[in-house]
Amino acid sequence: MGNIDIISRIAADRQKAKEIACRVQDKCSKGDSRTFAQVLQEELDKQKAIKDTDQSTPR
């Protein structure tokens, strides 16, 4: 799954998108020296990992 698919899925859920944006902004404002894009990429990777784990769990 690519980043565009992850972003699209997150954007469909406005609350989740706001939460991720707030987490990224909080990290940047608390002194994280990485760029906004790098922190956002980290959050997207976390979402991808969650999605991959959910799909691999047998139901």
PDB file of N, CA and C in Angstrom:
ATOM      1  N   MET A   1       0.864  -1.171   0.000  1.00  0.00           N
ATOM      2  CA  MET A   1       0.000   0.000   0.000  1.00  0.00           C
ATOM      3  C   MET A   1       0.909   1.232   0.000  1.00  0.00           C
ATOM      4  N   GLY A   2       0.607   2.153  -0.879  1.00  0.00           N
ATOM      5  CA  GLY A   2       1.428   3.343  -0.988  1.00  0.00           C
ATOM      6  C   GLY A   2       0.954   4.467  -0.085  1.00  0.00           C
ATOM      7  N   ASN A   3       1.761   5.493  -0.021  1.00  0.00           N
ATOM      8  CA  ASN A   3       1.437   6.649   0.818  1.00  0.00           C
ATOM      9  C   ASN A   3       0.149   7.330   0.391  1.00  0.00           C
ATOM     10  N   ILE A   4      -0.102   7.397  -0.920  1.00  0.00           N
ATOM     11  CA  ILE A   4      -1.316   8.061  -1.398  1.00  0.00           C
ATOM     12  C   ILE A   4      -2.552   7.334  -0.891  1.00  0.00           C
ATOM     13  N   ASP A   5      -2.518   6.015  -0.893  1.00  0.00           N
ATOM     14  CA  ASP A   5      -3.651   5.234  -0.386  1.00  0.00           C
ATOM     15  C   ASP A   5      -3.849   5.477   1.108  1.00  0.00           C
ATOM     16  N   ILE A   6      -2.757   5.523   1.851  1.00  0.00           N
ATOM     17  CA  ILE A   6      -2.839   5.770   3.292  1.00  0.00           C
ATOM     18  C   ILE A   6      -3.408   7.162   3.554  1.00  0.00           C
ATOM     19  N   ILE A   7      -2.889   8.152   2.832  1.00  0.00           N
ATOM     20  CA  ILE A   7      -3.375   9.527   3.001  1.00  0.00           C
ATOM     21  C   ILE A   7      -4.851   9.617   2.650  1.00  0.00           C
ATOM     22  N   SER A   8      -5.250   8.958   1.576  1.00  0.00           N
ATOM     23  CA  SER A   8      -6.656   8.967   1.163  1.00  0.00           C
ATOM     24  C   SER A   8      -7.551   8.358   2.235  1.00  0.00           C
ATOM     25  N   ARG A   9      -7.110   7.241   2.796  1.00  0.00           N
ATOM     26  CA  ARG A   9      -7.902   6.567   3.839  1.00  0.00           C
ATOM     27  C   ARG A   9      -8.007   7.446   5.082  1.00  0.00           C
ATOM     28  N   ILE A  10      -6.910   8.088   5.454  1.00  0.00           N
ATOM     29  CA  ILE A  10      -6.915   8.968   6.627  1.00  0.00           C
ATOM     30  C   ILE A  10      -7.782  10.192   6.362  1.00  0.00           C
ATOM     31  N   ALA A  11      -7.667  10.765   5.171  1.00  0.00           N
ATOM     32  CA  ALA A  11      -8.436  11.967   4.832  1.00  0.00           C
ATOM     33  C   ALA A  11      -9.931  11.699   4.852  1.00  0.00           C
ATOM     34  N   ALA A  12     -10.333  10.476   4.590  1.00  0.00           N
ATOM     35  CA  ALA A  12     -11.750  10.130   4.625  1.00  0.00           C
ATOM     36  C   ALA A  12     -12.298  10.217   6.051  1.00  0.00           C
ATOM     37  N   ASP A  13     -11.425  10.106   7.030  1.00  0.00           N
ATOM     38  CA  ASP A  13     -11.810  10.194   8.443  1.00  0.00           C
ATOM     39  C   ASP A  13     -11.240  11.504   8.988  1.00  0.00           C
ATOM     40  N   ARG A  14     -12.037  12.558   8.965  1.00  0.00           N
ATOM     41  CA  ARG A  14     -11.552  13.891   9.346  1.00  0.00           C
ATOM     42  C   ARG A  14     -10.978  13.925  10.759  1.00  0.00           C
ATOM     43  N   GLN A  15     -11.600  13.217  11.687  1.00  0.00           N
ATOM     44  CA  GLN A  15     -11.127  13.219  13.066  1.00  0.00           C
ATOM     45  C   GLN A  15      -9.732  12.609  13.153  1.00  0.00           C
ATOM     46  N   LYS A  16      -9.520  11.486  12.453  1.00  0.00           N
ATOM     47  CA  LYS A  16      -8.206  10.846  12.466  1.00  0.00           C
ATOM     48  C   LYS A  16      -7.168  11.775  11.834  1.00  0.00           C
ATOM     49  N   ALA A  17      -7.539  12.449  10.752  1.00  0.00           N
ATOM     50  CA  ALA A  17      -6.623  13.374  10.090  1.00  0.00           C
ATOM     51  C   ALA A  17      -6.231  14.517  11.029  1.00  0.00           C
ATOM     52  N   LYS A  18      -7.202  15.038  11.770  1.00  0.00           N
ATOM     53  CA  LYS A  18      -6.916  16.109  12.721  1.00  0.00           C
ATOM     54  C   LYS A  18      -5.997  15.619  13.835  1.00  0.00           C
ATOM     55  N   GLU A  19      -6.242  14.412  14.325  1.00  0.00           N
ATOM     56  CA  GLU A  19      -5.409  13.863  15.391  1.00  0.00           C
ATOM     57  C   GLU A  19      -3.963  13.693  14.932  1.00  0.00           C
ATOM     58  N   ILE A  20      -3.782  13.188  13.725  1.00  0.00           N
ATOM     59  CA  ILE A  20      -2.426  12.999  13.200  1.00  0.00           C
ATOM     60  C   ILE A  20      -1.746  14.341  13.014  1.00  0.00           C
ATOM     61  N   ALA A  21      -2.449  15.314  12.444  1.00  0.00           N
ATOM     62  CA  ALA A  21      -1.876  16.646  12.239  1.00  0.00           C
ATOM     63  C   ALA A  21      -1.474  17.269  13.577  1.00  0.00           C
ATOM     64  N   CYS A  22      -2.309  17.098  14.588  1.00  0.00           N
ATOM     65  CA  CYS A  22      -1.994  17.643  15.921  1.00  0.00           C
ATOM     66  C   CYS A  22      -0.763  16.967  16.518  1.00  0.00           C
ATOM     67  N   ARG A  23      -0.659  15.644  16.365  1.00  0.00           N
ATOM     68  CA  ARG A  23       0.516  14.936  16.889  1.00  0.00           C
ATOM     69  C   ARG A  23       1.788  15.422  16.206  1.00  0.00           C
ATOM     70  N   VAL A  24       1.715  15.610  14.887  1.00  0.00           N
ATOM     71  CA  VAL A  24       2.889  16.082  14.147  1.00  0.00           C
ATOM     72  C   VAL A  24       3.263  17.490  14.603  1.00  0.00           C
ATOM     73  N   GLN A  25       2.276  18.372  14.717  1.00  0.00           N
ATOM     74  CA  GLN A  25       2.546  19.739  15.149  1.00  0.00           C
ATOM     75  C   GLN A  25       3.094  19.772  16.567  1.00  0.00           C
ATOM     76  N   ASP A  26       2.556  18.937  17.451  1.00  0.00           N
ATOM     77  CA  ASP A  26       3.042  18.887  18.830  1.00  0.00           C
ATOM     78  C   ASP A  26       4.503  18.461  18.886  1.00  0.00           C
ATOM     79  N   LYS A  27       4.855  17.434  18.113  1.00  0.00           N
ATOM     80  CA  LYS A  27       6.247  16.975  18.098  1.00  0.00           C
ATOM     81  C   LYS A  27       7.163  18.084  17.613  1.00  0.00           C
ATOM     82  N   CYS A  28       6.743  18.795  16.565  1.00  0.00           N
ATOM     83  CA  CYS A  28       7.575  19.877  16.020  1.00  0.00           C
ATOM     84  C   CYS A  28       7.704  21.023  17.019  1.00  0.00           C
ATOM     85  N   SER A  29       6.616  21.349  17.705  1.00  0.00           N
ATOM     86  CA  SER A  29       6.663  22.470  18.644  1.00  0.00           C
ATOM     87  C   SER A  29       7.411  22.120  19.932  1.00  0.00           C
ATOM     88  N   LYS A  30       7.549  20.834  20.230  1.00  0.00           N
ATOM     89  CA  LYS A  30       8.254  20.412  21.442  1.00  0.00           C
ATOM     90  C   LYS A  30       9.739  20.190  21.198  1.00  0.00           C
ATOM     91  N   GLY A  31      10.221  20.673  20.053  1.00  0.00           N
ATOM     92  CA  GLY A  31      11.653  20.642  19.827  1.00  0.00           C
ATOM     93  C   GLY A  31      12.157  19.534  18.933  1.00  0.00           C
ATOM     94  N   ASP A  32      11.274  18.749  18.331  1.00  0.00           N
ATOM     95  CA  ASP A  32      11.724  17.729  17.394  1.00  0.00           C
ATOM     96  C   ASP A  32      12.392  18.451  16.229  1.00  0.00           C
ATOM     97  N   SER A  33      13.644  18.160  15.982  1.00  0.00           N
ATOM     98  CA  SER A  33      14.418  18.918  14.996  1.00  0.00           C
ATOM     99  C   SER A  33      14.175  18.463  13.554  1.00  0.00           C
ATOM    100  N   ARG A  34      13.401  17.410  13.387  1.00  0.00           N
ATOM    101  CA  ARG A  34      13.112  16.951  12.030  1.00  0.00           C
ATOM    102  C   ARG A  34      12.126  17.891  11.350  1.00  0.00           C
ATOM    103  N   THR A  35      12.060  17.808  10.035  1.00  0.00           N
ATOM    104  CA  THR A  35      11.104  18.635   9.300  1.00  0.00           C
ATOM    105  C   THR A  35       9.693  18.095   9.504  1.00  0.00           C
ATOM    106  N   PHE A  36       8.709  18.951   9.219  1.00  0.00           N
ATOM    107  CA  PHE A  36       7.307  18.543   9.321  1.00  0.00           C
ATOM    108  C   PHE A  36       7.066  17.308   8.468  1.00  0.00           C
ATOM    109  N   ALA A  37       7.631  17.302   7.268  1.00  0.00           N
ATOM    110  CA  ALA A  37       7.434  16.173   6.353  1.00  0.00           C
ATOM    111  C   ALA A  37       7.997  14.875   6.923  1.00  0.00           C
ATOM    112  N   GLN A  38       9.138  14.944   7.601  1.00  0.00           N
ATOM    113  CA  GLN A  38       9.726  13.744   8.189  1.00  0.00           C
ATOM    114  C   GLN A  38       8.871  13.201   9.324  1.00  0.00           C
ATOM    115  N   VAL A  39       8.357  14.095  10.152  1.00  0.00           N
ATOM    116  CA  VAL A  39       7.494  13.661  11.264  1.00  0.00           C
ATOM    117  C   VAL A  39       6.190  13.102  10.709  1.00  0.00           C
ATOM    118  N   LEU A  40       5.642  13.755   9.691  1.00  0.00           N
ATOM    119  CA  LEU A  40       4.416  13.262   9.062  1.00  0.00           C
ATOM    120  C   LEU A  40       4.644  11.882   8.458  1.00  0.00           C
ATOM    121  N   GLN A  41       5.790  11.682   7.818  1.00  0.00           N
ATOM    122  CA  GLN A  41       6.099  10.374   7.235  1.00  0.00           C
ATOM    123  C   GLN A  41       6.142   9.308   8.317  1.00  0.00           C
ATOM    124  N   GLU A  42       6.689   9.638   9.483  1.00  0.00           N
ATOM    125  CA  GLU A  42       6.722   8.697  10.602  1.00  0.00           C
ATOM    126  C   GLU A  42       5.302   8.310  11.007  1.00  0.00           C
ATOM    127  N   GLU A  43       4.419   9.289  11.101  1.00  0.00           N
ATOM    128  CA  GLU A  43       3.030   9.015  11.472  1.00  0.00           C
ATOM    129  C   GLU A  43       2.330   8.168  10.404  1.00  0.00           C
ATOM    130  N   LEU A  44       2.614   8.435   9.131  1.00  0.00           N
ATOM    131  CA  LEU A  44       2.036   7.631   8.053  1.00  0.00           C
ATOM    132  C   LEU A  44       2.540   6.196   8.121  1.00  0.00           C
ATOM    133  N   ASP A  45       3.814   6.031   8.425  1.00  0.00           N
ATOM    134  CA  ASP A  45       4.381   4.687   8.571  1.00  0.00           C
ATOM    135  C   ASP A  45       3.701   3.932   9.714  1.00  0.00           C
ATOM    136  N   LYS A  46       3.410   4.633  10.794  1.00  0.00           N
ATOM    137  CA  LYS A  46       2.700   4.003  11.918  1.00  0.00           C
ATOM    138  C   LYS A  46       1.315   3.551  11.488  1.00  0.00           C
ATOM    139  N   GLN A  47       0.616   4.387  10.732  1.00  0.00           N
ATOM    140  CA  GLN A  47      -0.719   4.037  10.258  1.00  0.00           C
ATOM    141  C   GLN A  47      -0.658   2.841   9.316  1.00  0.00           C
ATOM    142  N   LYS A  48       0.365   2.811   8.470  1.00  0.00           N
ATOM    143  CA  LYS A  48       0.539   1.688   7.543  1.00  0.00           C
ATOM    144  C   LYS A  48       0.783   0.402   8.328  1.00  0.00           C
ATOM    145  N   ALA A  49       1.607   0.483   9.371  1.00  0.00           N
ATOM    146  CA  ALA A  49       1.902  -0.693  10.192  1.00  0.00           C
ATOM    147  C   ALA A  49       0.642  -1.197  10.881  1.00  0.00           C
ATOM    148  N   ILE A  50      -0.178  -0.282  11.348  1.00  0.00           N
ATOM    149  CA  ILE A  50      -1.440  -0.667  11.992  1.00  0.00           C
ATOM    150  C   ILE A  50      -2.345  -1.356  10.980  1.00  0.00           C
ATOM    151  N   LYS A  51      -2.448  -0.790   9.787  1.00  0.00           N
ATOM    152  CA  LYS A  51      -3.292  -1.364   8.734  1.00  0.00           C
ATOM    153  C   LYS A  51      -2.785  -2.738   8.342  1.00  0.00           C
ATOM    154  N   ASP A  52      -1.465  -2.899   8.177  1.00  0.00           N
ATOM    155  CA  ASP A  52      -0.884  -4.187   7.807  1.00  0.00           C
ATOM    156  C   ASP A  52      -1.127  -5.223   8.883  1.00  0.00           C
ATOM    157  N   THR A  53      -1.040  -4.834  10.147  1.00  0.00           N
ATOM    158  CA  THR A  53      -1.278  -5.756  11.255  1.00  0.00           C
ATOM    159  C   THR A  53      -2.738  -6.184  11.278  1.00  0.00           C
ATOM    160  N   ASP A  54      -3.639  -5.240  11.051  1.00  0.00           N
ATOM    161  CA  ASP A  54      -5.064  -5.559  11.035  1.00  0.00           C
ATOM    162  C   ASP A  54      -5.401  -6.550   9.932  1.00  0.00           C
ATOM    163  N   GLN A  55      -4.756  -6.446   8.786  1.00  0.00           N
ATOM    164  CA  GLN A  55      -5.038  -7.332   7.670  1.00  0.00           C
ATOM    165  C   GLN A  55      -4.460  -8.703   7.884  1.00  0.00           C
ATOM    166  N   SER A  56      -3.373  -8.816   8.633  1.00  0.00           N
ATOM    167  CA  SER A  56      -2.733 -10.102   8.829  1.00  0.00           C
ATOM    168  C   SER A  56      -3.356 -10.897   9.964  1.00  0.00           C
ATOM    169  N   THR A  57      -4.213 -10.273  10.751  1.00  0.00           N
ATOM    170  CA  THR A  57      -4.857 -10.963  11.862  1.00  0.00           C
ATOM    171  C   THR A  57      -6.019 -11.803  11.337  1.00  0.00           C
ATOM    172  N   PRO A  58      -6.014 -13.120  11.570  1.00  0.00           N
ATOM    173  CA  PRO A  58      -7.131 -13.937  11.112  1.00  0.00           C
ATOM    174  C   PRO A  58      -8.399 -13.598  11.876  1.00  0.00           C
ATOM    175  N   ARG A  59      -9.495 -13.665  11.174  1.00  0.00           N
ATOM    176  CA  ARG A  59     -10.789 -13.338  11.796  1.00  0.00           C
ATOM    177  C   ARG A  59     -11.670 -14.538  11.868  1.00  0.00           C
TER     178      ARG A  59
END
